[in-house]
């Protein structure tokens, strides 16, 4: 897969509707579900570009009554992922520092983890 074609997707008259703003694909795709819409577009891509079939990507243009909550969820999800990554980095650092002072079982109690998990963190790269 060399590239991806991005479609703007809306929900109109109880159907998902896709449009290609770049003009790489003309017309409109319509389906009852996003899964079906994605399958249909993938089939069109395979037919139109058999040698190097581009992927399908969606950008959603949602109604106001749901767009806000989707945007809020997306922001919180990104923040949670960043916090999870930072917590994992700190867990490695803490396990290495603490086990240089105490045993793995004592470190596990301090960190609220299992002895096995402390050992995994300690020996990780």
Protein backbone atom coordinates (compact mmCIF):
# COMPACT_ATOMS: atom_id res chain seq x y z
CA UNK A 1 0.00 0.00 0.00
CA UNK A 2 1.69 3.15 -1.20
CA UNK A 3 -0.71 5.79 -0.01
CA UNK A 4 -4.04 6.45 1.63
CA UNK A 5 -7.04 8.30 0.27
CA UNK A 6 -8.94 10.29 2.87
CA UNK A 7 -12.70 10.64 2.64
CA UNK A 8 -14.93 13.11 4.46
CA UNK A 9 -17.76 11.11 5.97
CA UNK A 10 -21.13 12.49 7.07
CA UNK A 11 -24.33 10.89 8.35
CA UNK A 12 -27.26 11.83 6.10
CA UNK A 13 -30.75 10.36 5.91
CA UNK A 14 -29.83 7.42 8.14
CA UNK A 15 -26.82 6.51 5.94
CA UNK A 16 -23.08 7.10 6.06
CA UNK A 17 -21.97 9.14 3.06
CA UNK A 18 -18.37 9.54 1.86
CA UNK A 19 -16.91 12.17 -0.42
CA UNK A 20 -13.33 12.49 -1.61
CA UNK A 21 -12.38 16.17 -1.28
CA UNK A 22 -9.20 15.77 -3.36
CA UNK A 23 -11.09 14.44 -6.38
CA UNK A 24 -9.02 11.25 -6.58
CA UNK A 25 -12.28 9.33 -6.44
CA UNK A 26 -15.37 10.90 -8.00
CA UNK A 27 -18.90 10.44 -6.77
CA UNK A 28 -20.28 9.57 -3.39
CA UNK A 29 -20.18 6.38 -1.35
CA UNK A 30 -23.29 5.46 0.65
CA UNK A 31 -23.71 2.63 3.15
CA UNK A 32 -25.71 1.66 6.23
CA UNK A 33 -22.55 1.09 8.31
CA UNK A 34 -19.02 2.44 8.40
CA UNK A 35 -17.65 -1.07 8.01
CA UNK A 36 -19.61 -1.55 4.80
CA UNK A 37 -18.57 1.87 3.53
CA UNK A 38 -14.91 1.05 4.16
CA UNK A 39 -15.23 -2.34 2.40
CA UNK A 40 -16.94 -0.74 -0.59
CA UNK A 41 -14.27 1.94 -0.93
CA UNK A 42 -11.48 -0.64 -0.55
CA UNK A 43 -13.04 -2.63 -3.41
CA UNK A 44 -13.18 0.50 -5.59
CA UNK A 45 -9.51 1.20 -4.81
CA UNK A 46 -8.52 -2.39 -5.68
CA UNK A 47 -10.34 -2.12 -9.00
CA UNK A 48 -9.02 1.38 -9.85
CA UNK A 49 -5.43 0.82 -8.68
CA UNK A 50 -4.69 -2.91 -8.93
CA UNK A 51 -0.90 -2.44 -8.90
CA UNK A 52 -0.68 -0.31 -5.75
CA UNK A 53 -4.01 -0.14 -4.00
CA UNK A 54 -4.28 2.89 -1.68
CA UNK A 55 -5.73 2.54 1.80
CA UNK A 56 -8.95 4.12 3.03
CA UNK A 57 -9.06 6.74 5.78
CA UNK A 58 -12.03 8.63 7.18
CA UNK A 59 -12.36 12.17 8.49
CA UNK A 60 -15.73 12.73 10.08
CA UNK A 61 -17.91 15.80 9.59
CA UNK A 62 -20.37 15.13 12.40
CA UNK A 63 -23.51 17.00 13.45
CA UNK A 64 -23.08 19.58 16.21
CA UNK A 65 -25.03 17.53 18.74
CA UNK A 66 -22.36 14.79 18.69
CA UNK A 67 -19.23 16.54 17.40
CA UNK A 68 -18.46 18.15 20.77
CA UNK A 69 -18.57 14.94 22.75
CA UNK A 70 -16.49 13.11 20.13
CA UNK A 71 -13.86 15.88 20.19
CA UNK A 72 -13.80 15.86 24.00
CA UNK A 73 -13.43 12.07 24.07
CA UNK A 74 -10.60 12.22 21.52
CA UNK A 75 -8.71 14.82 23.56
CA UNK A 76 -9.11 12.85 26.79
CA UNK A 77 -8.06 9.63 25.06
CA UNK A 78 -4.88 11.29 23.76
CA UNK A 79 -4.12 12.65 27.23
CA UNK A 80 -4.72 9.23 28.80
CA UNK A 81 -2.38 7.60 26.28
CA UNK A 82 0.30 10.19 27.03
CA UNK A 83 -0.13 9.65 30.77
CA UNK A 84 0.02 5.88 30.34
CA UNK A 85 3.26 6.18 28.38
CA UNK A 86 4.78 8.48 31.01
CA UNK A 87 3.66 6.17 33.85
CA UNK A 88 5.31 3.21 32.09
CA UNK A 89 8.56 5.15 31.75
CA UNK A 90 8.45 6.16 35.41
CA UNK A 91 7.72 2.58 36.48
CA UNK A 92 10.94 1.41 34.81
CA UNK A 93 12.93 4.20 36.37
CA UNK A 94 11.42 3.66 39.81
CA UNK A 95 11.99 -0.11 39.71
CA UNK A 96 15.63 0.36 38.76
CA UNK A 97 16.27 3.01 41.43
CA UNK A 98 14.37 1.21 44.20
CA UNK A 99 15.93 -2.20 43.54
CA UNK A 100 19.35 -0.62 43.81
CA UNK A 101 18.40 0.11 47.45
CA UNK A 102 16.01 -2.69 48.39
CA UNK A 103 15.07 -6.22 47.40
CA UNK A 104 12.63 -6.87 44.56
CA UNK A 105 9.92 -8.07 47.02
CA UNK A 106 10.25 -4.88 49.09
CA UNK A 107 10.27 -2.76 45.95
CA UNK A 108 7.14 -4.57 44.78
CA UNK A 109 5.36 -3.70 48.05
CA UNK A 110 6.40 -0.05 47.80
CA UNK A 111 5.27 0.21 44.17
CA UNK A 112 2.10 -1.85 44.61
CA UNK A 113 3.20 -4.35 41.98
CA UNK A 114 4.01 -8.05 41.88
CA UNK A 115 7.58 -9.23 42.37
CA UNK A 116 7.51 -10.59 38.82
CA UNK A 117 6.49 -7.21 37.39
CA UNK A 118 9.23 -5.41 39.32
CA UNK A 119 11.77 -7.87 37.93
CA UNK A 120 10.46 -7.31 34.39
CA UNK A 121 10.73 -3.55 34.80
CA UNK A 122 14.20 -3.79 36.32
CA UNK A 123 15.64 -5.84 33.47
CA UNK A 124 13.87 -3.92 30.68
CA UNK A 125 15.94 -1.78 28.34
